[in-house]
Amino acid sequence: MSAIGEIIAGFAGKVFNAFKAGAAFIVARVLGAFGLSLVSLNAILPSLKDQLSQYASHIPPKAVEFLSAVGADVFMTLVISALTVRLATKVFIVPTSVANQLPGGGQ
């Protein structure tokens, strides 16, 4: 791509990002007027991670050795990572009172 094409593409990207940020701000303000909040999974992920760690700590050592030998730990890491990435991009609309009770305090 020529230098002019790269400049135009960069400018178009900046305009799109500015539009997206402005639209997100307007949507958040409108929802706030109705007493609703936007909550992403980032507010919930730390407590979910702690809960999974607690469950994993109750597995007997021999079972952990066997599962590691057959690759179950790598498999579970891949599955949980994929689900986390997919859910982290989603935003949930909840009442502000519920968002304030979440571990992250809501956003």
PDB file of N, CA and C in Angstrom:
ATOM      1  N   MET A   1       0.855  -1.174   0.000  1.00  0.00           N
ATOM      2  CA  MET A   1       0.000   0.000   0.000  1.00  0.00           C
ATOM      3  C   MET A   1       0.898   1.234   0.000  1.00  0.00           C
ATOM      4  N   SER A   2       0.482   2.250  -0.716  1.00  0.00           N
ATOM      5  CA  SER A   2       1.290   3.461  -0.799  1.00  0.00           C
ATOM      6  C   SER A   2       1.214   4.235   0.514  1.00  0.00           C
ATOM      7  N   ALA A   3       2.101   5.211   0.641  1.00  0.00           N
ATOM      8  CA  ALA A   3       2.163   6.019   1.861  1.00  0.00           C
ATOM      9  C   ALA A   3       0.865   6.801   2.062  1.00  0.00           C
ATOM     10  N   ILE A   4       0.290   7.280   0.974  1.00  0.00           N
ATOM     11  CA  ILE A   4      -0.964   8.036   1.080  1.00  0.00           C
ATOM     12  C   ILE A   4      -2.099   7.120   1.529  1.00  0.00           C
ATOM     13  N   GLY A   5      -2.113   5.889   1.005  1.00  0.00           N
ATOM     14  CA  GLY A   5      -3.125   4.920   1.412  1.00  0.00           C
ATOM     15  C   GLY A   5      -3.017   4.581   2.890  1.00  0.00           C
ATOM     16  N   GLU A   6      -1.783   4.460   3.400  1.00  0.00           N
ATOM     17  CA  GLU A   6      -1.579   4.180   4.818  1.00  0.00           C
ATOM     18  C   GLU A   6      -2.048   5.358   5.683  1.00  0.00           C
ATOM     19  N   ILE A   7      -1.811   6.565   5.227  1.00  0.00           N
ATOM     20  CA  ILE A   7      -2.248   7.757   5.969  1.00  0.00           C
ATOM     21  C   ILE A   7      -3.769   7.813   6.016  1.00  0.00           C
ATOM     22  N   ILE A   8      -4.393   7.543   4.889  1.00  0.00           N
ATOM     23  CA  ILE A   8      -5.867   7.562   4.831  1.00  0.00           C
ATOM     24  C   ILE A   8      -6.444   6.460   5.714  1.00  0.00           C
ATOM     25  N   ALA A   9      -5.849   5.270   5.656  1.00  0.00           N
ATOM     26  CA  ALA A   9      -6.334   4.161   6.493  1.00  0.00           C
ATOM     27  C   ALA A   9      -6.162   4.483   7.972  1.00  0.00           C
ATOM     28  N   GLY A  10      -5.038   5.075   8.340  1.00  0.00           N
ATOM     29  CA  GLY A  10      -4.811   5.473   9.735  1.00  0.00           C
ATOM     30  C   GLY A  10      -5.801   6.525  10.197  1.00  0.00           C
ATOM     31  N   PHE A  11      -6.080   7.498   9.336  1.00  0.00           N
ATOM     32  CA  PHE A  11      -7.039   8.543   9.675  1.00  0.00           C
ATOM     33  C   PHE A  11      -8.445   7.969   9.819  1.00  0.00           C
ATOM     34  N   ALA A  12      -8.816   7.068   8.904  1.00  0.00           N
ATOM     35  CA  ALA A  12     -10.142   6.443   8.974  1.00  0.00           C
ATOM     36  C   ALA A  12     -10.273   5.625  10.256  1.00  0.00           C
ATOM     37  N   GLY A  13      -9.219   4.949  10.656  1.00  0.00           N
ATOM     38  CA  GLY A  13      -9.237   4.190  11.902  1.00  0.00           C
ATOM     39  C   GLY A  13      -9.424   5.084  13.106  1.00  0.00           C
ATOM     40  N   LYS A  14      -8.753   6.239  13.111  1.00  0.00           N
ATOM     41  CA  LYS A  14      -8.890   7.177  14.225  1.00  0.00           C
ATOM     42  C   LYS A  14     -10.301   7.764  14.284  1.00  0.00           C
ATOM     43  N   VAL A  15     -10.873   8.060  13.125  1.00  0.00           N
ATOM     44  CA  VAL A  15     -12.242   8.592  13.080  1.00  0.00           C
ATOM     45  C   VAL A  15     -13.225   7.537  13.603  1.00  0.00           C
ATOM     46  N   PHE A  16     -13.037   6.289  13.187  1.00  0.00           N
ATOM     47  CA  PHE A  16     -13.920   5.211  13.642  1.00  0.00           C
ATOM     48  C   PHE A  16     -13.808   5.017  15.152  1.00  0.00           C
ATOM     49  N   ASN A  17     -12.583   5.040  15.684  1.00  0.00           N
ATOM     50  CA  ASN A  17     -12.399   4.887  17.129  1.00  0.00           C
ATOM     51  C   ASN A  17     -13.041   6.042  17.898  1.00  0.00           C
ATOM     52  N   ALA A  18     -12.944   7.248  17.382  1.00  0.00           N
ATOM     53  CA  ALA A  18     -13.574   8.398  18.036  1.00  0.00           C
ATOM     54  C   ALA A  18     -15.087   8.259  18.007  1.00  0.00           C
ATOM     55  N   PHE A  19     -15.633   7.813  16.882  1.00  0.00           N
ATOM     56  CA  PHE A  19     -17.078   7.601  16.785  1.00  0.00           C
ATOM     57  C   PHE A  19     -17.537   6.523  17.759  1.00  0.00           C
ATOM     58  N   LYS A  20     -16.772   5.436  17.839  1.00  0.00           N
ATOM     59  CA  LYS A  20     -17.121   4.334  18.738  1.00  0.00           C
ATOM     60  C   LYS A  20     -17.087   4.791  20.199  1.00  0.00           C
ATOM     61  N   ALA A  21     -16.081   5.566  20.573  1.00  0.00           N
ATOM     62  CA  ALA A  21     -15.983   6.058  21.947  1.00  0.00           C
ATOM     63  C   ALA A  21     -17.135   7.016  22.257  1.00  0.00           C
ATOM     64  N   GLY A  22     -17.477   7.862  21.312  1.00  0.00           N
ATOM     65  CA  GLY A  22     -18.591   8.791  21.510  1.00  0.00           C
ATOM     66  C   GLY A  22     -19.922   8.064  21.634  1.00  0.00           C
ATOM     67  N   ALA A  23     -20.125   7.059  20.806  1.00  0.00           N
ATOM     68  CA  ALA A  23     -21.365   6.285  20.878  1.00  0.00           C
ATOM     69  C   ALA A  23     -21.457   5.531  22.195  1.00  0.00           C
ATOM     70  N   ALA A  24     -20.344   4.977  22.665  1.00  0.00           N
ATOM     71  CA  ALA A  24     -20.340   4.264  23.943  1.00  0.00           C
ATOM     72  C   ALA A  24     -20.677   5.207  25.089  1.00  0.00           C
ATOM     73  N   PHE A  25     -20.149   6.419  25.051  1.00  0.00           N
ATOM     74  CA  PHE A  25     -20.432   7.404  26.091  1.00  0.00           C
ATOM     75  C   PHE A  25     -21.917   7.771  26.103  1.00  0.00           C
ATOM     76  N   ILE A  26     -22.481   7.981  24.924  1.00  0.00           N
ATOM     77  CA  ILE A  26     -23.901   8.343  24.831  1.00  0.00           C
ATOM     78  C   ILE A  26     -24.784   7.199  25.331  1.00  0.00           C
ATOM     79  N   VAL A  27     -24.468   5.966  24.940  1.00  0.00           N
ATOM     80  CA  VAL A  27     -25.253   4.817  25.398  1.00  0.00           C
ATOM     81  C   VAL A  27     -25.169   4.688  26.919  1.00  0.00           C
ATOM     82  N   ALA A  28     -23.987   4.854  27.478  1.00  0.00           N
ATOM     83  CA  ALA A  28     -23.830   4.763  28.927  1.00  0.00           C
ATOM     84  C   ALA A  28     -24.629   5.841  29.645  1.00  0.00           C
ATOM     85  N   ARG A  29     -24.655   7.045  29.105  1.00  0.00           N
ATOM     86  CA  ARG A  29     -25.416   8.134  29.729  1.00  0.00           C
ATOM     87  C   ARG A  29     -26.914   7.880  29.656  1.00  0.00           C
ATOM     88  N   VAL A  30     -27.389   7.362  28.527  1.00  0.00           N
ATOM     89  CA  VAL A  30     -28.820   7.070  28.384  1.00  0.00           C
ATOM     90  C   VAL A  30     -29.229   5.961  29.349  1.00  0.00           C
ATOM     91  N   LEU A  31     -28.427   4.908  29.429  1.00  0.00           N
ATOM     92  CA  LEU A  31     -28.739   3.826  30.361  1.00  0.00           C
ATOM     93  C   LEU A  31     -28.694   4.316  31.807  1.00  0.00           C
ATOM     94  N   GLY A  32     -27.737   5.184  32.109  1.00  0.00           N
ATOM     95  CA  GLY A  32     -27.642   5.750  33.457  1.00  0.00           C
ATOM     96  C   GLY A  32     -28.874   6.561  33.815  1.00  0.00           C
ATOM     97  N   ALA A  33     -29.454   7.222  32.838  1.00  0.00           N
ATOM     98  CA  ALA A  33     -30.672   7.998  33.097  1.00  0.00           C
ATOM     99  C   ALA A  33     -31.830   7.089  33.480  1.00  0.00           C
ATOM    100  N   PHE A  34     -31.821   5.849  33.005  1.00  0.00           N
ATOM    101  CA  PHE A  34     -32.869   4.891  33.353  1.00  0.00           C
ATOM    102  C   PHE A  34     -32.493   4.019  34.544  1.00  0.00           C
ATOM    103  N   GLY A  35     -31.363   4.314  35.197  1.00  0.00           N
ATOM    104  CA  GLY A  35     -30.950   3.547  36.370  1.00  0.00           C
ATOM    105  C   GLY A  35     -30.313   2.220  36.039  1.00  0.00           C
ATOM    106  N   LEU A  36     -29.736   2.093  34.856  1.00  0.00           N
ATOM    107  CA  LEU A  36     -29.076   0.854  34.451  1.00  0.00           C
ATOM    108  C   LEU A  36     -27.579   1.094  34.327  1.00  0.00           C
ATOM    109  N   SER A  37     -26.802   0.042  34.441  1.00  0.00           N
ATOM    110  CA  SER A  37     -25.347   0.136  34.324  1.00  0.00           C
ATOM    111  C   SER A  37     -24.843  -0.910  33.343  1.00  0.00           C
ATOM    112  N   LEU A  38     -23.691  -0.631  32.782  1.00  0.00           N
ATOM    113  CA  LEU A  38     -23.017  -1.597  31.929  1.00  0.00           C
ATOM    114  C   LEU A  38     -21.985  -2.330  32.782  1.00  0.00           C
ATOM    115  N   VAL A  39     -21.998  -3.641  32.760  1.00  0.00           N
ATOM    116  CA  VAL A  39     -21.050  -4.431  33.531  1.00  0.00           C
ATOM    117  C   VAL A  39     -20.361  -5.387  32.579  1.00  0.00           C
ATOM    118  N   SER A  40     -19.048  -5.334  32.549  1.00  0.00           N
ATOM    119  CA  SER A  40     -18.314  -6.298  31.738  1.00  0.00           C
ATOM    120  C   SER A  40     -17.870  -7.442  32.649  1.00  0.00           C
ATOM    121  N   LEU A  41     -17.436  -8.491  32.049  1.00  0.00           N
ATOM    122  CA  LEU A  41     -17.027  -9.656  32.817  1.00  0.00           C
ATOM    123  C   LEU A  41     -15.767  -9.372  33.620  1.00  0.00           C
ATOM    124  N   ASN A  42     -15.051  -8.307  33.316  1.00  0.00           N
ATOM    125  CA  ASN A  42     -13.846  -7.972  34.058  1.00  0.00           C
ATOM    126  C   ASN A  42     -14.143  -7.725  35.526  1.00  0.00           C
ATOM    127  N   ALA A  43     -15.351  -7.295  35.845  1.00  0.00           N
ATOM    128  CA  ALA A  43     -15.720  -7.078  37.235  1.00  0.00           C
ATOM    129  C   ALA A  43     -15.958  -8.396  37.957  1.00  0.00           C
ATOM    130  N   ILE A  44     -16.282  -9.441  37.224  1.00  0.00           N
ATOM    131  CA  ILE A  44     -16.644 -10.720  37.820  1.00  0.00           C
ATOM    132  C   ILE A  44     -15.491 -11.721  37.768  1.00  0.00           C
ATOM    133  N   LEU A  45     -14.564 -11.556  36.827  1.00  0.00           N
ATOM    134  CA  LEU A  45     -13.509 -12.542  36.614  1.00  0.00           C
ATOM    135  C   LEU A  45     -12.638 -12.846  37.834  1.00  0.00           C
ATOM    136  N   PRO A  46     -12.206 -11.859  38.627  1.00  0.00           N
ATOM    137  CA  PRO A  46     -11.349 -12.209  39.774  1.00  0.00           C
ATOM    138  C   PRO A  46     -12.016 -13.174  40.751  1.00  0.00           C
ATOM    139  N   SER A  47     -13.284 -12.965  41.066  1.00  0.00           N
ATOM    140  CA  SER A  47     -13.948 -13.878  42.000  1.00  0.00           C
ATOM    141  C   SER A  47     -14.164 -15.251  41.364  1.00  0.00           C
ATOM    142  N   LEU A  48     -14.426 -15.301  40.063  1.00  0.00           N
ATOM    143  CA  LEU A  48     -14.577 -16.572  39.370  1.00  0.00           C
ATOM    144  C   LEU A  48     -13.264 -17.351  39.375  1.00  0.00           C
ATOM    145  N   LYS A  49     -12.159 -16.646  39.167  1.00  0.00           N
ATOM    146  CA  LYS A  49     -10.847 -17.282  39.181  1.00  0.00           C
ATOM    147  C   LYS A  49     -10.528 -17.835  40.569  1.00  0.00           C
ATOM    148  N   ASP A  50     -10.839 -17.089  41.617  1.00  0.00           N
ATOM    149  CA  ASP A  50     -10.611 -17.562  42.982  1.00  0.00           C
ATOM    150  C   ASP A  50     -11.443 -18.804  43.281  1.00  0.00           C
ATOM    151  N   GLN A  51     -12.673 -18.815  42.819  1.00  0.00           N
ATOM    152  CA  GLN A  51     -13.550 -19.956  43.056  1.00  0.00           C
ATOM    153  C   GLN A  51     -13.020 -21.212  42.357  1.00  0.00           C
ATOM    154  N   LEU A  52     -12.564 -21.067  41.120  1.00  0.00           N
ATOM    155  CA  LEU A  52     -11.981 -22.213  40.407  1.00  0.00           C
ATOM    156  C   LEU A  52     -10.717 -22.709  41.100  1.00  0.00           C
ATOM    157  N   SER A  53      -9.911 -21.802  41.617  1.00  0.00           N
ATOM    158  CA  SER A  53      -8.689 -22.199  42.330  1.00  0.00           C
ATOM    159  C   SER A  53      -9.023 -22.975  43.597  1.00  0.00           C
ATOM    160  N   GLN A  54     -10.080 -22.570  44.288  1.00  0.00           N
ATOM    161  CA  GLN A  54     -10.484 -23.290  45.500  1.00  0.00           C
ATOM    162  C   GLN A  54     -10.929 -24.713  45.169  1.00  0.00           C
ATOM    163  N   TYR A  55     -11.686 -24.886  44.092  1.00  0.00           N
ATOM    164  CA  TYR A  55     -12.118 -26.224  43.691  1.00  0.00           C
ATOM    165  C   TYR A  55     -10.919 -27.088  43.289  1.00  0.00           C
ATOM    166  N   ALA A  56      -9.965 -26.513  42.593  1.00  0.00           N
ATOM    167  CA  ALA A  56      -8.802 -27.270  42.143  1.00  0.00           C
ATOM    168  C   ALA A  56      -7.913 -27.682  43.308  1.00  0.00           C
ATOM    169  N   SER A  57      -7.913 -26.918  44.381  1.00  0.00           N
ATOM    170  CA  SER A  57      -7.061 -27.257  45.524  1.00  0.00           C
ATOM    171  C   SER A  57      -7.576 -28.471  46.290  1.00  0.00           C
ATOM    172  N   HIS A  58      -8.822 -28.880  46.069  1.00  0.00           N
ATOM    173  CA  HIS A  58      -9.393 -30.035  46.765  1.00  0.00           C
ATOM    174  C   HIS A  58      -9.151 -31.362  46.032  1.00  0.00           C
ATOM    175  N   ILE A  59      -8.517 -31.309  44.878  1.00  0.00           N
ATOM    176  CA  ILE A  59      -8.238 -32.530  44.122  1.00  0.00           C
ATOM    177  C   ILE A  59      -7.050 -33.243  44.772  1.00  0.00           C
ATOM    178  N   PRO A  60      -7.156 -34.555  44.991  1.00  0.00           N
ATOM    179  CA  PRO A  60      -6.041 -35.300  45.605  1.00  0.00           C
ATOM    180  C   PRO A  60      -4.773 -35.229  44.745  1.00  0.00           C
ATOM    181  N   PRO A  61      -3.603 -35.254  45.380  1.00  0.00           N
ATOM    182  CA  PRO A  61      -2.334 -35.142  44.633  1.00  0.00           C
ATOM    183  C   PRO A  61      -2.144 -36.222  43.565  1.00  0.00           C
ATOM    184  N   LYS A  62      -2.557 -37.460  43.846  1.00  0.00           N
ATOM    185  CA  LYS A  62      -2.407 -38.531  42.849  1.00  0.00           C
ATOM    186  C   LYS A  62      -3.265 -38.251  41.614  1.00  0.00           C
ATOM    187  N   ALA A  63      -4.453 -37.714  41.837  1.00  0.00           N
ATOM    188  CA  ALA A  63      -5.328 -37.377  40.707  1.00  0.00           C
ATOM    189  C   ALA A  63      -4.728 -36.240  39.891  1.00  0.00           C
ATOM    190  N   VAL A  64      -4.115 -35.273  40.574  1.00  0.00           N
ATOM    191  CA  VAL A  64      -3.474 -34.156  39.871  1.00  0.00           C
ATOM    192  C   VAL A  64      -2.329 -34.666  39.008  1.00  0.00           C
ATOM    193  N   GLU A  65      -1.530 -35.603  39.552  1.00  0.00           N
ATOM    194  CA  GLU A  65      -0.423 -36.177  38.777  1.00  0.00           C
ATOM    195  C   GLU A  65      -0.935 -36.906  37.537  1.00  0.00           C
ATOM    196  N   PHE A  66      -2.000 -37.688  37.711  1.00  0.00           N
ATOM    197  CA  PHE A  66      -2.561 -38.436  36.577  1.00  0.00           C
ATOM    198  C   PHE A  66      -3.114 -37.488  35.516  1.00  0.00           C
ATOM    199  N   LEU A  67      -3.880 -36.489  35.963  1.00  0.00           N
ATOM    200  CA  LEU A  67      -4.477 -35.537  35.021  1.00  0.00           C
ATOM    201  C   LEU A  67      -3.403 -34.738  34.288  1.00  0.00           C
ATOM    202  N   SER A  68      -2.325 -34.406  34.981  1.00  0.00           N
ATOM    203  CA  SER A  68      -1.216 -33.693  34.330  1.00  0.00           C
ATOM    204  C   SER A  68      -0.530 -34.584  33.301  1.00  0.00           C
ATOM    205  N   ALA A  69      -0.412 -35.879  33.628  1.00  0.00           N
ATOM    206  CA  ALA A  69       0.255 -36.802  32.708  1.00  0.00           C
ATOM    207  C   ALA A  69      -0.519 -36.976  31.404  1.00  0.00           C
ATOM    208  N   VAL A  70      -1.847 -36.948  31.483  1.00  0.00           N
ATOM    209  CA  VAL A  70      -2.646 -37.131  30.263  1.00  0.00           C
ATOM    210  C   VAL A  70      -2.979 -35.798  29.574  1.00  0.00           C
ATOM    211  N   GLY A  71      -2.520 -34.690  30.149  1.00  0.00           N
ATOM    212  CA  GLY A  71      -2.698 -33.393  29.506  1.00  0.00           C
ATOM    213  C   GLY A  71      -4.017 -32.700  29.802  1.00  0.00           C
ATOM    214  N   ALA A  72      -4.717 -33.128  30.832  1.00  0.00           N
ATOM    215  CA  ALA A  72      -6.009 -32.505  31.160  1.00  0.00           C
ATOM    216  C   ALA A  72      -5.837 -31.068  31.635  1.00  0.00           C
ATOM    217  N   ASP A  73      -4.699 -30.775  32.276  1.00  0.00           N
ATOM    218  CA  ASP A  73      -4.480 -29.410  32.751  1.00  0.00           C
ATOM    219  C   ASP A  73      -4.338 -28.440  31.578  1.00  0.00           C
ATOM    220  N   VAL A  74      -3.638 -28.843  30.545  1.00  0.00           N
ATOM    221  CA  VAL A  74      -3.482 -27.992  29.357  1.00  0.00           C
ATOM    222  C   VAL A  74      -4.830 -27.823  28.654  1.00  0.00           C
ATOM    223  N   PHE A  75      -5.576 -28.916  28.554  1.00  0.00           N
ATOM    224  CA  PHE A  75      -6.893 -28.871  27.925  1.00  0.00           C
ATOM    225  C   PHE A  75      -7.814 -27.897  28.661  1.00  0.00           C
ATOM    226  N   MET A  76      -7.872 -28.012  29.989  1.00  0.00           N
ATOM    227  CA  MET A  76      -8.753 -27.137  30.769  1.00  0.00           C
ATOM    228  C   MET A  76      -8.300 -25.674  30.674  1.00  0.00           C
ATOM    229  N   THR A  77      -6.998 -25.455  30.650  1.00  0.00           N
ATOM    230  CA  THR A  77      -6.494 -24.088  30.501  1.00  0.00           C
ATOM    231  C   THR A  77      -6.932 -23.492  29.171  1.00  0.00           C
ATOM    232  N   LEU A  78      -6.848 -24.272  28.099  1.00  0.00           N
ATOM    233  CA  LEU A  78      -7.270 -23.787  26.781  1.00  0.00           C
ATOM    234  C   LEU A  78      -8.767 -23.483  26.758  1.00  0.00           C
ATOM    235  N   VAL A  79      -9.573 -24.371  27.326  1.00  0.00           N
ATOM    236  CA  VAL A  79     -11.017 -24.168  27.329  1.00  0.00           C
ATOM    237  C   VAL A  79     -11.393 -22.944  28.158  1.00  0.00           C
ATOM    238  N   ILE A  80     -10.841 -22.832  29.353  1.00  0.00           N
ATOM    239  CA  ILE A  80     -11.173 -21.700  30.225  1.00  0.00           C
ATOM    240  C   ILE A  80     -10.692 -20.395  29.609  1.00  0.00           C
ATOM    241  N   SER A  81      -9.506 -20.401  28.990  1.00  0.00           N
ATOM    242  CA  SER A  81      -9.001 -19.184  28.346  1.00  0.00           C
ATOM    243  C   SER A  81      -9.898 -18.752  27.197  1.00  0.00           C
ATOM    244  N   ALA A  82     -10.332 -19.707  26.395  1.00  0.00           N
ATOM    245  CA  ALA A  82     -11.208 -19.378  25.269  1.00  0.00           C
ATOM    246  C   ALA A  82     -12.539 -18.820  25.757  1.00  0.00           C
ATOM    247  N   LEU A  83     -13.112 -19.437  26.772  1.00  0.00           N
ATOM    248  CA  LEU A  83     -14.380 -18.931  27.316  1.00  0.00           C
ATOM    249  C   LEU A  83     -14.208 -17.553  27.942  1.00  0.00           C
ATOM    250  N   THR A  84     -13.096 -17.350  28.621  1.00  0.00           N
ATOM    251  CA  THR A  84     -12.842 -16.047  29.250  1.00  0.00           C
ATOM    252  C   THR A  84     -12.723 -14.955  28.207  1.00  0.00           C
ATOM    253  N   VAL A  85     -11.972 -15.212  27.154  1.00  0.00           N
ATOM    254  CA  VAL A  85     -11.804 -14.202  26.103  1.00  0.00           C
ATOM    255  C   VAL A  85     -13.146 -13.909  25.440  1.00  0.00           C
ATOM    256  N   ARG A  86     -13.912 -14.951  25.175  1.00  0.00           N
ATOM    257  CA  ARG A  86     -15.213 -14.731  24.525  1.00  0.00           C
ATOM    258  C   ARG A  86     -16.162 -13.946  25.418  1.00  0.00           C
ATOM    259  N   LEU A  87     -16.230 -14.281  26.697  1.00  0.00           N
ATOM    260  CA  LEU A  87     -17.149 -13.594  27.597  1.00  0.00           C
ATOM    261  C   LEU A  87     -16.653 -12.208  28.000  1.00  0.00           C
ATOM    262  N   ALA A  88     -15.336 -12.008  27.989  1.00  0.00           N
ATOM    263  CA  ALA A  88     -14.796 -10.706  28.392  1.00  0.00           C
ATOM    264  C   ALA A  88     -15.197  -9.606  27.421  1.00  0.00           C
ATOM    265  N   THR A  89     -15.516  -9.959  26.192  1.00  0.00           N
ATOM    266  CA  THR A  89     -15.901  -8.943  25.225  1.00  0.00           C
ATOM    267  C   THR A  89     -17.372  -8.572  25.340  1.00  0.00           C
ATOM    268  N   LYS A  90     -18.123  -9.352  26.072  1.00  0.00           N
ATOM    269  CA  LYS A  90     -19.556  -9.084  26.206  1.00  0.00           C
ATOM    270  C   LYS A  90     -19.802  -8.109  27.353  1.00  0.00           C
ATOM    271  N   VAL A  91     -20.825  -7.310  27.192  1.00  0.00           N
ATOM    272  CA  VAL A  91     -21.217  -6.343  28.209  1.00  0.00           C
ATOM    273  C   VAL A  91     -22.657  -6.640  28.576  1.00  0.00           C
ATOM    274  N   PHE A  92     -22.925  -6.664  29.858  1.00  0.00           N
ATOM    275  CA  PHE A  92     -24.267  -6.965  30.337  1.00  0.00           C
ATOM    276  C   PHE A  92     -24.908  -5.702  30.883  1.00  0.00           C
ATOM    277  N   ILE A  93     -26.197  -5.536  30.636  1.00  0.00           N
ATOM    278  CA  ILE A  93     -26.931  -4.387  31.152  1.00  0.00           C
ATOM    279  C   ILE A  93     -27.704  -4.866  32.375  1.00  0.00           C
ATOM    280  N   VAL A  94     -27.384  -4.283  33.522  1.00  0.00           N
ATOM    281  CA  VAL A  94     -28.027  -4.666  34.773  1.00  0.00           C
ATOM    282  C   VAL A  94     -28.444  -3.400  35.517  1.00  0.00           C
ATOM    283  N   PRO A  95     -29.384  -3.515  36.463  1.00  0.00           N
ATOM    284  CA  PRO A  95     -29.730  -2.350  37.280  1.00  0.00           C
ATOM    285  C   PRO A  95     -28.517  -1.880  38.086  1.00  0.00           C
ATOM    286  N   THR A  96     -28.443  -0.589  38.324  1.00  0.00           N
ATOM    287  CA  THR A  96     -27.305  -0.019  39.034  1.00  0.00           C
ATOM    288  C   THR A  96     -27.165  -0.618  40.423  1.00  0.00           C
ATOM    289  N   SER A  97     -28.270  -0.905  41.089  1.00  0.00           N
ATOM    290  CA  SER A  97     -28.193  -1.477  42.433  1.00  0.00           C
ATOM    291  C   SER A  97     -27.498  -2.838  42.407  1.00  0.00           C
ATOM    292  N   VAL A  98     -27.726  -3.621  41.375  1.00  0.00           N
ATOM    293  CA  VAL A  98     -27.071  -4.926  41.246  1.00  0.00           C
ATOM    294  C   VAL A  98     -25.594  -4.732  40.911  1.00  0.00           C
ATOM    295  N   ALA A  99     -25.293  -3.792  40.041  1.00  0.00           N
ATOM    296  CA  ALA A  99     -23.898  -3.545  39.656  1.00  0.00           C
ATOM    297  C   ALA A  99     -23.067  -3.103  40.850  1.00  0.00           C
ATOM    298  N   ASN A 100     -23.648  -2.351  41.760  1.00  0.00           N
ATOM    299  CA  ASN A 100     -22.915  -1.894  42.933  1.00  0.00           C
ATOM    300  C   ASN A 100     -22.607  -3.026  43.894  1.00  0.00           C
ATOM    301  N   GLN A 101     -23.358  -4.116  43.848  1.00  0.00           N
ATOM    302  CA  GLN A 101     -23.132  -5.253  44.728  1.00  0.00           C
ATOM    303  C   GLN A 101     -22.101  -6.225  44.188  1.00  0.00           C
ATOM    304  N   LEU A 102     -21.692  -6.074  42.930  1.00  0.00           N
ATOM    305  CA  LEU A 102     -20.690  -6.965  42.343  1.00  0.00           C
ATOM    306  C   LEU A 102     -19.337  -6.720  42.988  1.00  0.00           C
ATOM    307  N   PRO A 103     -18.460  -7.731  43.002  1.00  0.00           N
ATOM    308  CA  PRO A 103     -17.155  -7.585  43.645  1.00  0.00           C
ATOM    309  C   PRO A 103     -16.334  -6.416  43.102  1.00  0.00           C
ATOM    310  N   GLY A 104     -16.423  -6.142  41.803  1.00  0.00           N
ATOM    311  CA  GLY A 104     -15.668  -5.042  41.217  1.00  0.00           C
ATOM    312  C   GLY A 104     -16.348  -3.683  41.408  1.00  0.00           C
ATOM    313  N   GLY A 105     -17.548  -3.648  41.953  1.00  0.00           N
ATOM    314  CA  GLY A 105     -18.250  -2.402  42.179  1.00  0.00           C
ATOM    315  C   GLY A 105     -19.001  -1.900  40.966  1.00  0.00           C
ATOM    316  N   GLY A 106     -18.996  -2.651  39.876  1.00  0.00           N
ATOM    317  CA  GLY A 106     -19.712  -2.213  38.674  1.00  0.00           C
ATOM    318  C   GLY A 106     -18.959  -1.128  37.939  1.00  0.00           C
ATOM    319  N   GLN A 107     -19.279  -0.946  36.693  1.00  0.00           N
ATOM    320  CA  GLN A 107     -18.619   0.082  35.879  1.00  0.00           C
ATOM    321  C   GLN A 107     -19.674   0.873  35.174  1.00  0.00           C
TER     322      GLN A 107
END
